[in-house]
C-alpha atoms as a PDB file:
ATOM      1  CA  MET A   1     -74.117 -25.081   9.517  1.00  0.00           C
ATOM      2  CA  LYS A   2     -77.692 -25.703   8.436  1.00  0.00           C
ATOM      3  CA  LEU A   3     -78.515 -21.985   8.392  1.00  0.00           C
ATOM      4  CA  ILE A   4     -75.639 -21.447   6.057  1.00  0.00           C
ATOM      5  CA  TYR A   5     -77.093 -23.955   3.619  1.00  0.00           C
ATOM      6  CA  LEU A   6     -80.629 -22.773   3.952  1.00  0.00           C
ATOM      7  CA  ILE A   7     -80.027 -18.951   3.255  1.00  0.00           C
ATOM      8  CA  PRO A   8     -79.471 -19.577  -0.410  1.00  0.00           C
ATOM      9  CA  LEU A   9     -82.097 -22.134  -0.695  1.00  0.00           C
ATOM     10  CA  PHE A  10     -84.847 -19.460  -0.475  1.00  0.00           C
ATOM     11  CA  LEU A  11     -83.090 -16.522  -2.099  1.00  0.00           C
ATOM     12  CA  PHE A  12     -81.976 -18.034  -5.454  1.00  0.00           C
ATOM     13  CA  LEU A  13     -84.266 -15.577  -7.322  1.00  0.00           C
ATOM     14  CA  SER A  14     -83.320 -13.345 -10.240  1.00  0.00           C
ATOM     15  CA  LYS A  15     -81.749 -10.095  -9.265  1.00  0.00           C
ATOM     16  CA  ALA A  16     -83.648  -6.931 -10.168  1.00  0.00           C
ATOM     17  CA  THR A  17     -80.643  -4.763 -11.156  1.00  0.00           C
ATOM     18  CA  ALA A  18     -79.431  -2.847 -14.031  1.00  0.00           C
ATOM     19  CA  GLN A  19     -76.425  -5.101 -14.660  1.00  0.00           C
ATOM     20  CA  GLU A  20     -75.680  -6.052 -18.178  1.00  0.00           C
ATOM     21  CA  SER A  21     -76.333  -9.663 -19.228  1.00  0.00           C
ATOM     22  CA  THR A  22     -73.079 -11.759 -19.329  1.00  0.00           C
ATOM     23  CA  ALA A  23     -74.590 -14.730 -21.159  1.00  0.00           C
ATOM     24  CA  SER A  24     -72.733 -15.646 -24.386  1.00  0.00           C
ATOM     25  CA  LYS A  25     -74.457 -15.773 -27.750  1.00  0.00           C
ATOM     26  CA  GLN A  26     -74.470 -19.548 -27.363  1.00  0.00           C
ATOM     27  CA  VAL A  27     -77.148 -19.252 -24.749  1.00  0.00           C
ATOM     28  CA  SER A  28     -80.883 -18.813 -25.339  1.00  0.00           C
ATOM     29  CA  SER A  29     -83.976 -19.502 -23.197  1.00  0.00           C
ATOM     30  CA  PHE A  30     -87.669 -20.449 -23.539  1.00  0.00           C
ATOM     31  CA  ASN A  31     -90.521 -21.068 -21.187  1.00  0.00           C
ATOM     32  CA  MET A  32     -92.497 -24.331 -21.248  1.00  0.00           C
ATOM     33  CA  GLU A  33     -95.411 -25.993 -19.243  1.00  0.00           C
ATOM     34  CA  ALA A  34     -94.246 -28.235 -16.430  1.00  0.00           C
ATOM     35  CA  PRO A  35     -97.482 -30.151 -15.715  1.00  0.00           C
ATOM     36  CA  GLN A  36     -95.856 -32.328 -13.013  1.00  0.00           C
ATOM     37  CA  LEU A  37     -95.213 -29.140 -11.103  1.00  0.00           C
ATOM     38  CA  LYS A  38     -98.375 -27.310 -12.137  1.00  0.00           C
ATOM     39  CA  THR A  39     -96.437 -24.306 -13.362  1.00  0.00           C
ATOM     40  CA  ASN A  40     -94.488 -22.907 -16.272  1.00  0.00           C
ATOM     41  CA  ARG A  41     -90.718 -23.054 -16.059  1.00  0.00           C
ATOM     42  CA  LYS A  42     -87.981 -21.080 -17.852  1.00  0.00           C
ATOM     43  CA  ILE A  43     -85.385 -23.281 -19.493  1.00  0.00           C
ATOM     44  CA  TRP A  44     -81.857 -22.058 -20.510  1.00  0.00           C
ATOM     45  CA  LEU A  45     -80.126 -23.620 -23.387  1.00  0.00           C
ATOM     46  CA  TYR A  46     -76.492 -23.727 -24.314  1.00  0.00           C
ATOM     47  CA  LEU A  47     -75.544 -24.917 -27.727  1.00  0.00           C
ATOM     48  CA  PRO A  48     -71.951 -25.479 -28.926  1.00  0.00           C
ATOM     49  CA  LYS A  49     -70.284 -23.086 -31.195  1.00  0.00           C
ATOM     50  CA  ASN A  50     -70.484 -25.197 -34.261  1.00  0.00           C
ATOM     51  CA  TYR A  51     -74.061 -26.476 -33.715  1.00  0.00           C
ATOM     52  CA  GLU A  52     -75.611 -24.601 -36.693  1.00  0.00           C
ATOM     53  CA  THR A  53     -72.949 -25.725 -39.160  1.00  0.00           C
ATOM     54  CA  SER A  54     -72.727 -29.310 -37.951  1.00  0.00           C
ATOM     55  CA  ALA A  55     -74.985 -32.378 -38.614  1.00  0.00           C
ATOM     56  CA  LYS A  56     -73.621 -34.345 -35.562  1.00  0.00           C
ATOM     57  CA  LYS A  57     -75.492 -35.281 -32.459  1.00  0.00           C
ATOM     58  CA  TYR A  58     -74.339 -34.065 -28.975  1.00  0.00           C
ATOM     59  CA  PRO A  59     -74.405 -35.314 -25.239  1.00  0.00           C
ATOM     60  CA  VAL A  60     -76.585 -33.347 -22.993  1.00  0.00           C
ATOM     61  CA  ILE A  61     -75.981 -32.062 -19.453  1.00  0.00           C
ATOM     62  CA  TYR A  62     -79.089 -31.129 -17.322  1.00  0.00           C
ATOM     63  CA  MET A  63     -78.411 -28.673 -14.602  1.00  0.00           C
ATOM     64  CA  HIS A  64     -80.449 -27.074 -11.867  1.00  0.00           C
ATOM     65  CA  ASP A  65     -80.620 -23.482 -10.758  1.00  0.00           C
ATOM     66  CA  ALA A  66     -80.182 -22.078 -14.317  1.00  0.00           C
ATOM     67  CA  GLN A  67     -80.351 -18.539 -13.015  1.00  0.00           C
ATOM     68  CA  ASN A  68     -76.769 -19.109 -11.615  1.00  0.00           C
ATOM     69  CA  LEU A  69     -75.170 -20.911 -14.688  1.00  0.00           C
ATOM     70  CA  PHE A  70     -74.728 -18.413 -17.439  1.00  0.00           C
ATOM     71  CA  ASP A  71     -75.582 -14.945 -16.493  1.00  0.00           C
ATOM     72  CA  ALA A  72     -74.297 -12.638 -13.609  1.00  0.00           C
ATOM     73  CA  LYS A  73     -77.439 -10.482 -14.070  1.00  0.00           C
ATOM     74  CA  THR A  74     -79.766 -13.237 -13.013  1.00  0.00           C
ATOM     75  CA  SER A  75     -77.506 -15.028 -10.402  1.00  0.00           C
ATOM     76  CA  PHE A  76     -77.934 -14.944  -6.739  1.00  0.00           C
ATOM     77  CA  ALA A  77     -74.247 -14.654  -5.764  1.00  0.00           C
ATOM     78  CA  GLY A  78     -72.199 -14.835  -8.904  1.00  0.00           C
ATOM     79  CA  GLU A  79     -72.586 -17.147 -11.869  1.00  0.00           C
ATOM     80  CA  TRP A  80     -70.797 -20.381 -12.709  1.00  0.00           C
ATOM     81  CA  ASN A  81     -69.507 -19.089 -16.168  1.00  0.00           C
ATOM     82  CA  VAL A  82     -70.614 -22.378 -17.752  1.00  0.00           C
ATOM     83  CA  ASP A  83     -70.973 -20.846 -21.200  1.00  0.00           C
ATOM     84  CA  GLU A  84     -67.637 -19.056 -21.166  1.00  0.00           C
ATOM     85  CA  LYS A  85     -65.907 -22.189 -19.834  1.00  0.00           C
ATOM     86  CA  LEU A  86     -67.423 -24.452 -22.516  1.00  0.00           C
ATOM     87  CA  ASP A  87     -66.704 -21.850 -25.248  1.00  0.00           C
ATOM     88  CA  SER A  88     -63.015 -21.839 -24.147  1.00  0.00           C
ATOM     89  CA  LEU A  89     -62.930 -25.634 -24.470  1.00  0.00           C
ATOM     90  CA  SER A  90     -64.808 -25.644 -27.814  1.00  0.00           C
ATOM     91  CA  ALA A  91     -66.930 -28.170 -25.939  1.00  0.00           C
ATOM     92  CA  GLN A  92     -69.169 -30.524 -27.858  1.00  0.00           C
ATOM     93  CA  VAL A  93     -72.090 -30.544 -25.645  1.00  0.00           C
ATOM     94  CA  ILE A  94     -75.528 -29.195 -25.088  1.00  0.00           C
ATOM     95  CA  VAL A  95     -76.368 -27.775 -21.561  1.00  0.00           C
ATOM     96  CA  VAL A  96     -80.128 -27.570 -20.504  1.00  0.00           C
ATOM     97  CA  GLY A  97     -80.506 -25.408 -17.382  1.00  0.00           C
ATOM     98  CA  ILE A  98     -83.724 -25.613 -15.438  1.00  0.00           C
ATOM     99  CA  GLU A  99     -84.594 -22.536 -13.467  1.00  0.00           C
ATOM    100  CA  ASN A 100     -85.312 -23.254  -9.820  1.00  0.00           C
ATOM    101  CA  GLY A 101     -88.883 -22.476  -8.511  1.00  0.00           C
ATOM    102  CA  GLY A 102     -87.796 -19.710  -6.172  1.00  0.00           C
ATOM    103  CA  GLU A 103     -89.563 -20.103  -2.885  1.00  0.00           C
ATOM    104  CA  LYS A 104     -90.460 -23.746  -3.913  1.00  0.00           C
ATOM    105  CA  ARG A 105     -86.859 -24.637  -4.446  1.00  0.00           C
ATOM    106  CA  LEU A 106     -86.456 -26.639  -1.270  1.00  0.00           C
ATOM    107  CA  GLU A 107     -89.648 -28.454  -1.972  1.00  0.00           C
ATOM    108  CA  GLU A 108     -88.662 -29.411  -5.586  1.00  0.00           C
ATOM    109  CA  LEU A 109     -85.044 -30.299  -4.805  1.00  0.00           C
ATOM    110  CA  THR A 110     -85.596 -32.639  -1.898  1.00  0.00           C
ATOM    111  CA  PRO A 111     -86.439 -36.346  -2.498  1.00  0.00           C
ATOM    112  CA  TYR A 112     -87.832 -36.853   0.983  1.00  0.00           C
ATOM    113  CA  LYS A 113     -89.697 -34.634   3.475  1.00  0.00           C
ATOM    114  CA  ASN A 114     -87.605 -33.153   6.334  1.00  0.00           C
ATOM    115  CA  GLU A 115     -89.259 -33.023   9.632  1.00  0.00           C
ATOM    116  CA  LYS A 116     -88.190 -29.498  10.284  1.00  0.00           C
ATOM    117  CA  TYR A 117     -87.997 -27.842   6.775  1.00  0.00           C
ATOM    118  CA  GLY A 118     -90.564 -29.879   4.723  1.00  0.00           C
ATOM    119  CA  GLY A 119     -89.928 -30.531   1.104  1.00  0.00           C
ATOM    120  CA  GLY A 120     -89.940 -33.915  -0.547  1.00  0.00           C
ATOM    121  CA  ASN A 121     -91.191 -33.156  -4.121  1.00  0.00           C
ATOM    122  CA  ALA A 122     -88.105 -34.162  -6.157  1.00  0.00           C
ATOM    123  CA  ASP A 123     -89.935 -37.027  -7.698  1.00  0.00           C
ATOM    124  CA  LYS A 124     -92.346 -34.625  -9.448  1.00  0.00           C
ATOM    125  CA  TYR A 125     -89.418 -32.294 -10.453  1.00  0.00           C
ATOM    126  CA  LEU A 126     -87.509 -35.293 -11.863  1.00  0.00           C
ATOM    127  CA  GLU A 127     -90.700 -36.453 -13.663  1.00  0.00           C
ATOM    128  CA  PHE A 128     -90.771 -33.064 -15.267  1.00  0.00           C
ATOM    129  CA  ILE A 129     -87.177 -33.490 -16.595  1.00  0.00           C
ATOM    130  CA  VAL A 130     -87.485 -36.993 -17.667  1.00  0.00           C
ATOM    131  CA  ASN A 131     -91.055 -37.141 -19.161  1.00  0.00           C
ATOM    132  CA  THR A 132     -91.543 -33.585 -20.444  1.00  0.00           C
ATOM    133  CA  LEU A 133     -88.392 -31.657 -20.832  1.00  0.00           C
ATOM    134  CA  LYS A 134     -85.872 -34.286 -22.094  1.00  0.00           C
ATOM    135  CA  PRO A 135     -88.402 -35.642 -24.770  1.00  0.00           C
ATOM    136  CA  GLU A 136     -88.869 -31.992 -25.963  1.00  0.00           C
ATOM    137  CA  ILE A 137     -85.038 -31.414 -26.039  1.00  0.00           C
ATOM    138  CA  ASP A 138     -84.433 -34.627 -27.920  1.00  0.00           C
ATOM    139  CA  LYS A 139     -87.153 -33.730 -30.417  1.00  0.00           C
ATOM    140  CA  LYS A 140     -86.053 -30.240 -31.186  1.00  0.00           C
ATOM    141  CA  TYR A 141     -82.214 -30.686 -31.023  1.00  0.00           C
ATOM    142  CA  ARG A 142     -79.603 -33.171 -32.317  1.00  0.00           C
ATOM    143  CA  THR A 143     -78.999 -35.024 -29.069  1.00  0.00           C
ATOM    144  CA  LYS A 144     -77.453 -38.347 -28.064  1.00  0.00           C
ATOM    145  CA  THR A 145     -80.299 -39.707 -26.098  1.00  0.00           C
ATOM    146  CA  ASN A 146     -78.929 -42.711 -24.139  1.00  0.00           C
ATOM    147  CA  ALA A 147     -77.854 -42.642 -20.481  1.00  0.00           C
ATOM    148  CA  LYS A 148     -74.206 -42.843 -21.317  1.00  0.00           C
ATOM    149  CA  ASN A 149     -74.543 -39.325 -23.059  1.00  0.00           C
ATOM    150  CA  THR A 150     -76.919 -37.777 -20.391  1.00  0.00           C
ATOM    151  CA  THR A 151     -75.538 -36.078 -17.364  1.00  0.00           C
ATOM    152  CA  ILE A 152     -77.385 -34.410 -14.484  1.00  0.00           C
ATOM    153  CA  MET A 153     -75.557 -31.811 -12.386  1.00  0.00           C
ATOM    154  CA  GLY A 154     -76.194 -29.361  -9.441  1.00  0.00           C
ATOM    155  CA  SER A 155     -74.992 -27.902  -6.160  1.00  0.00           C
ATOM    156  CA  SER A 156     -76.322 -28.026  -2.661  1.00  0.00           C
ATOM    157  CA  LEU A 157     -79.952 -29.235  -2.956  1.00  0.00           C
ATOM    158  CA  GLY A 158     -79.217 -29.659  -6.701  1.00  0.00           C
ATOM    159  CA  GLY A 159     -76.359 -31.828  -5.850  1.00  0.00           C
ATOM    160  CA  LEU A 160     -78.618 -34.062  -3.543  1.00  0.00           C
ATOM    161  CA  THR A 161     -81.253 -34.231  -6.302  1.00  0.00           C
ATOM    162  CA  SER A 162     -78.695 -35.121  -8.977  1.00  0.00           C
ATOM    163  CA  PHE A 163     -77.464 -37.938  -6.844  1.00  0.00           C
ATOM    164  CA  TYR A 164     -80.784 -39.164  -6.276  1.00  0.00           C
ATOM    165  CA  ALA A 165     -81.674 -38.940  -9.939  1.00  0.00           C
ATOM    166  CA  VAL A 166     -78.907 -41.357 -11.184  1.00  0.00           C
ATOM    167  CA  ILE A 167     -80.168 -43.940  -8.595  1.00  0.00           C
ATOM    168  CA  LYS A 168     -83.774 -43.512  -9.499  1.00  0.00           C
ATOM    169  CA  TYR A 169     -83.340 -43.179 -13.372  1.00  0.00           C
ATOM    170  CA  PRO A 170     -80.298 -45.376 -14.223  1.00  0.00           C
ATOM    171  CA  LYS A 171     -81.599 -45.741 -17.791  1.00  0.00           C
ATOM    172  CA  VAL A 172     -81.846 -41.984 -18.362  1.00  0.00           C
ATOM    173  CA  PHE A 173     -78.853 -40.479 -16.467  1.00  0.00           C
ATOM    174  CA  GLY A 174     -75.548 -42.211 -16.828  1.00  0.00           C
ATOM    175  CA  LYS A 175     -73.355 -39.442 -15.180  1.00  0.00           C
ATOM    176  CA  ALA A 176     -73.712 -36.874 -12.383  1.00  0.00           C
ATOM    177  CA  GLY A 177     -71.889 -33.799 -11.117  1.00  0.00           C
ATOM    178  CA  VAL A 178     -72.708 -33.706  -7.431  1.00  0.00           C
ATOM    179  CA  PHE A 179     -71.468 -30.500  -5.932  1.00  0.00           C
ATOM    180  CA  SER A 180     -71.650 -29.718  -2.148  1.00  0.00           C
ATOM    181  CA  PRO A 181     -74.738 -32.073  -1.793  1.00  0.00           C
ATOM    182  CA  ALA A 182     -77.112 -31.243   0.995  1.00  0.00           C
ATOM    183  CA  PHE A 183     -77.277 -34.905   2.183  1.00  0.00           C
ATOM    184  CA  TRP A 184     -77.922 -33.674   5.692  1.00  0.00           C
ATOM    185  CA  ILE A 185     -81.548 -32.624   4.857  1.00  0.00           C
ATOM    186  CA  ASN A 186     -82.481 -36.206   3.888  1.00  0.00           C
ATOM    187  CA  ARG A 187     -79.526 -37.984   5.517  1.00  0.00           C
ATOM    188  CA  LYS A 188     -81.079 -41.338   6.600  1.00  0.00           C
ATOM    189  CA  ASP A 189     -83.458 -41.661   3.521  1.00  0.00           C
ATOM    190  CA  ILE A 190     -80.737 -40.921   1.032  1.00  0.00           C
ATOM    191  CA  ASN A 191     -78.267 -43.275   2.714  1.00  0.00           C
ATOM    192  CA  ASP A 192     -80.766 -46.085   2.894  1.00  0.00           C
ATOM    193  CA  TYR A 193     -81.737 -45.462  -0.656  1.00  0.00           C
ATOM    194  CA  MET A 194     -77.954 -45.750  -1.679  1.00  0.00           C
ATOM    195  CA  THR A 195     -77.511 -48.934   0.514  1.00  0.00           C
ATOM    196  CA  ASN A 196     -80.338 -50.766  -1.350  1.00  0.00           C
ATOM    197  CA  SER A 197     -79.173 -49.689  -4.713  1.00  0.00           C
ATOM    198  CA  LYS A 198     -76.893 -52.591  -5.955  1.00  0.00           C
ATOM    199  CA  ASN A 199     -76.686 -51.910  -9.645  1.00  0.00           C
ATOM    200  CA  LEU A 200     -75.651 -48.274  -9.930  1.00  0.00           C
ATOM    201  CA  LYS A 201     -73.358 -47.844 -12.832  1.00  0.00           C
ATOM    202  CA  ALA A 202     -73.233 -44.078 -13.224  1.00  0.00           C
ATOM    203  CA  LYS A 203     -70.078 -42.015 -13.247  1.00  0.00           C
ATOM    204  CA  ILE A 204     -70.354 -39.556 -10.363  1.00  0.00           C
ATOM    205  CA  TYR A 205     -68.024 -36.614  -9.691  1.00  0.00           C
ATOM    206  CA  PHE A 206     -68.298 -35.337  -6.065  1.00  0.00           C
ATOM    207  CA  LEU A 207     -67.042 -31.903  -4.976  1.00  0.00           C
ATOM    208  CA  CYS A 208     -67.251 -30.036  -1.702  1.00  0.00           C
ATOM    209  CA  GLY A 209     -65.132 -27.712   0.306  1.00  0.00           C
ATOM    210  CA  ASP A 210     -63.657 -28.378   3.838  1.00  0.00           C
ATOM    211  CA  SER A 211     -64.965 -25.028   5.135  1.00  0.00           C
ATOM    212  CA  GLU A 212     -68.825 -25.207   4.142  1.00  0.00           C
ATOM    213  CA  GLY A 213     -70.199 -24.700   7.542  1.00  0.00           C
ATOM    214  CA  ASP A 214     -69.188 -24.482  11.263  1.00  0.00           C
ATOM    215  CA  ASP A 215     -68.467 -28.347  11.343  1.00  0.00           C
ATOM    216  CA  ASP A 216     -67.310 -30.939   9.048  1.00  0.00           C
ATOM    217  CA  SER A 217     -70.424 -32.734   8.331  1.00  0.00           C
ATOM    218  CA  MET A 218     -70.364 -31.978   4.591  1.00  0.00           C
ATOM    219  CA  VAL A 219     -67.065 -33.841   4.251  1.00  0.00           C
ATOM    220  CA  THR A 220     -68.277 -36.512   6.703  1.00  0.00           C
ATOM    221  CA  ASP A 221     -71.496 -37.152   4.710  1.00  0.00           C
ATOM    222  CA  LEU A 222     -69.625 -37.139   1.384  1.00  0.00           C
ATOM    223  CA  ASN A 223     -67.034 -39.683   2.788  1.00  0.00           C
ATOM    224  CA  TYR A 224     -69.847 -41.929   3.986  1.00  0.00           C
ATOM    225  CA  MET A 225     -71.676 -41.851   0.712  1.00  0.00           C
ATOM    226  CA  GLU A 226     -68.329 -42.688  -1.027  1.00  0.00           C
ATOM    227  CA  THR A 227     -68.121 -45.695   1.263  1.00  0.00           C
ATOM    228  CA  LEU A 228     -71.516 -46.839   0.509  1.00  0.00           C
ATOM    229  CA  LEU A 229     -70.886 -46.571  -3.245  1.00  0.00           C
ATOM    230  CA  ASN A 230     -67.684 -48.551  -2.975  1.00  0.00           C
ATOM    231  CA  THR A 231     -69.500 -51.148  -1.006  1.00  0.00           C
ATOM    232  CA  ASN A 232     -72.093 -51.630  -3.721  1.00  0.00           C
ATOM    233  CA  ARG A 233     -69.632 -51.464  -6.570  1.00  0.00           C
ATOM    234  CA  CYS A 234     -65.939 -52.124  -6.693  1.00  0.00           C
ATOM    235  CA  TYR A 235     -63.871 -48.902  -6.358  1.00  0.00           C
ATOM    236  CA  CYS A 236     -61.474 -50.500  -8.966  1.00  0.00           C
ATOM    237  CA  LEU A 237     -64.039 -49.531 -11.634  1.00  0.00           C
ATOM    238  CA  HIS A 238     -63.151 -45.770 -10.963  1.00  0.00           C
ATOM    239  CA  LEU A 239     -66.677 -44.651 -11.502  1.00  0.00           C
ATOM    240  CA  ASN A 240     -66.392 -42.091  -8.524  1.00  0.00           C
ATOM    241  CA  LYS A 241     -64.131 -39.166  -8.069  1.00  0.00           C
ATOM    242  CA  LYS A 242     -64.190 -37.047  -4.830  1.00  0.00           C
ATOM    243  CA  VAL A 243     -62.669 -33.589  -4.581  1.00  0.00           C
ATOM    244  CA  VAL A 244     -62.454 -31.851  -1.278  1.00  0.00           C
ATOM    245  CA  VAL A 245     -61.251 -28.300  -1.622  1.00  0.00           C
ATOM    246  CA  LYS A 246     -59.160 -26.933   1.114  1.00  0.00           C
ATOM    247  CA  GLY A 247     -60.662 -23.656   2.335  1.00  0.00           C
ATOM    248  CA  GLY A 248     -63.677 -24.132  -0.027  1.00  0.00           C
ATOM    249  CA  HIS A 249     -66.902 -22.556   0.993  1.00  0.00           C
ATOM    250  CA  HIS A 250     -70.596 -23.269   0.126  1.00  0.00           C
ATOM    251  CA  ASN A 251     -70.853 -20.756  -2.696  1.00  0.00           C
ATOM    252  CA  GLU A 252     -70.874 -20.167  -6.524  1.00  0.00           C
ATOM    253  CA  LYS A 253     -67.001 -19.698  -6.512  1.00  0.00           C
ATOM    254  CA  LEU A 254     -66.479 -23.205  -5.388  1.00  0.00           C
ATOM    255  CA  TRP A 255     -68.785 -24.742  -7.915  1.00  0.00           C
ATOM    256  CA  ARG A 256     -67.639 -22.379 -10.747  1.00  0.00           C
ATOM    257  CA  ASP A 257     -64.050 -23.294 -10.073  1.00  0.00           C
ATOM    258  CA  GLY A 258     -64.737 -27.043 -10.009  1.00  0.00           C
ATOM    259  CA  PHE A 259     -66.922 -27.095 -13.087  1.00  0.00           C
ATOM    260  CA  THR A 260     -64.315 -27.619 -15.771  1.00  0.00           C
ATOM    261  CA  ASP A 261     -62.566 -30.484 -13.877  1.00  0.00           C
ATOM    262  CA  ALA A 262     -65.967 -32.233 -13.284  1.00  0.00           C
ATOM    263  CA  PHE A 263     -66.847 -31.760 -16.981  1.00  0.00           C
ATOM    264  CA  LEU A 264     -63.568 -33.133 -18.248  1.00  0.00           C
ATOM    265  CA  TRP A 265     -63.563 -36.149 -15.774  1.00  0.00           C
ATOM    266  CA  LEU A 266     -67.031 -37.077 -16.627  1.00  0.00           C
ATOM    267  CA  GLY A 267     -65.808 -37.638 -20.208  1.00  0.00           C
ATOM    268  CA  TYR A 268     -66.504 -34.740 -22.348  1.00  0.00           C
END
């Protein structure tokens, strides 16, 4: 099972093909310095259809692995169609996608070091989002800046880091989309962190498939995390939703198909 999860971790690089871009006209991109990561990073931006003709402010979703969100040309194994899905809903939201660091993806999207695979630099990656990227987005665009209107979302390692982010930065991120989270790579540490987090108020949408590997550890890990959450805060608050897709695999199709439901349940 671990091999299945690790193959895409190192290969989420832009495809060098002649394929036409599938990104909608609502999507643009720019590069910015990421001093916490000692590099530059490409950022993708989705603005709602009526952004230019409106004076209103919008909630923001921060998403990892931007190469896979909007454009089949840059995706590893198919895109999420985030722009088309939001366009079809006339969604009133801004999406900020952060490209992964290629061979540094595992390093940047793991909160703790794994004895076998390394990693453990998610704190620096999140510091980039919180202290550099978000202030720039809030300065240049009409955003609702509070935690209630700020979501973080991702899959696999991005799901792990999104969950970690709402615990570490409760005043920044009030919602999370946690798809197929790779809890296994930091299982003890992330479970301990959740156990000791007594005031987590974020809304969290969990998604996974029951066929994501050669055992059921993905579902087992997700069920256990749900138990920890419901121990630390009353399940009666309905702040969590868990969806386990029968026959769902660890791939873009699962996450693409689950995006709209997560988006709507989180309150958009």
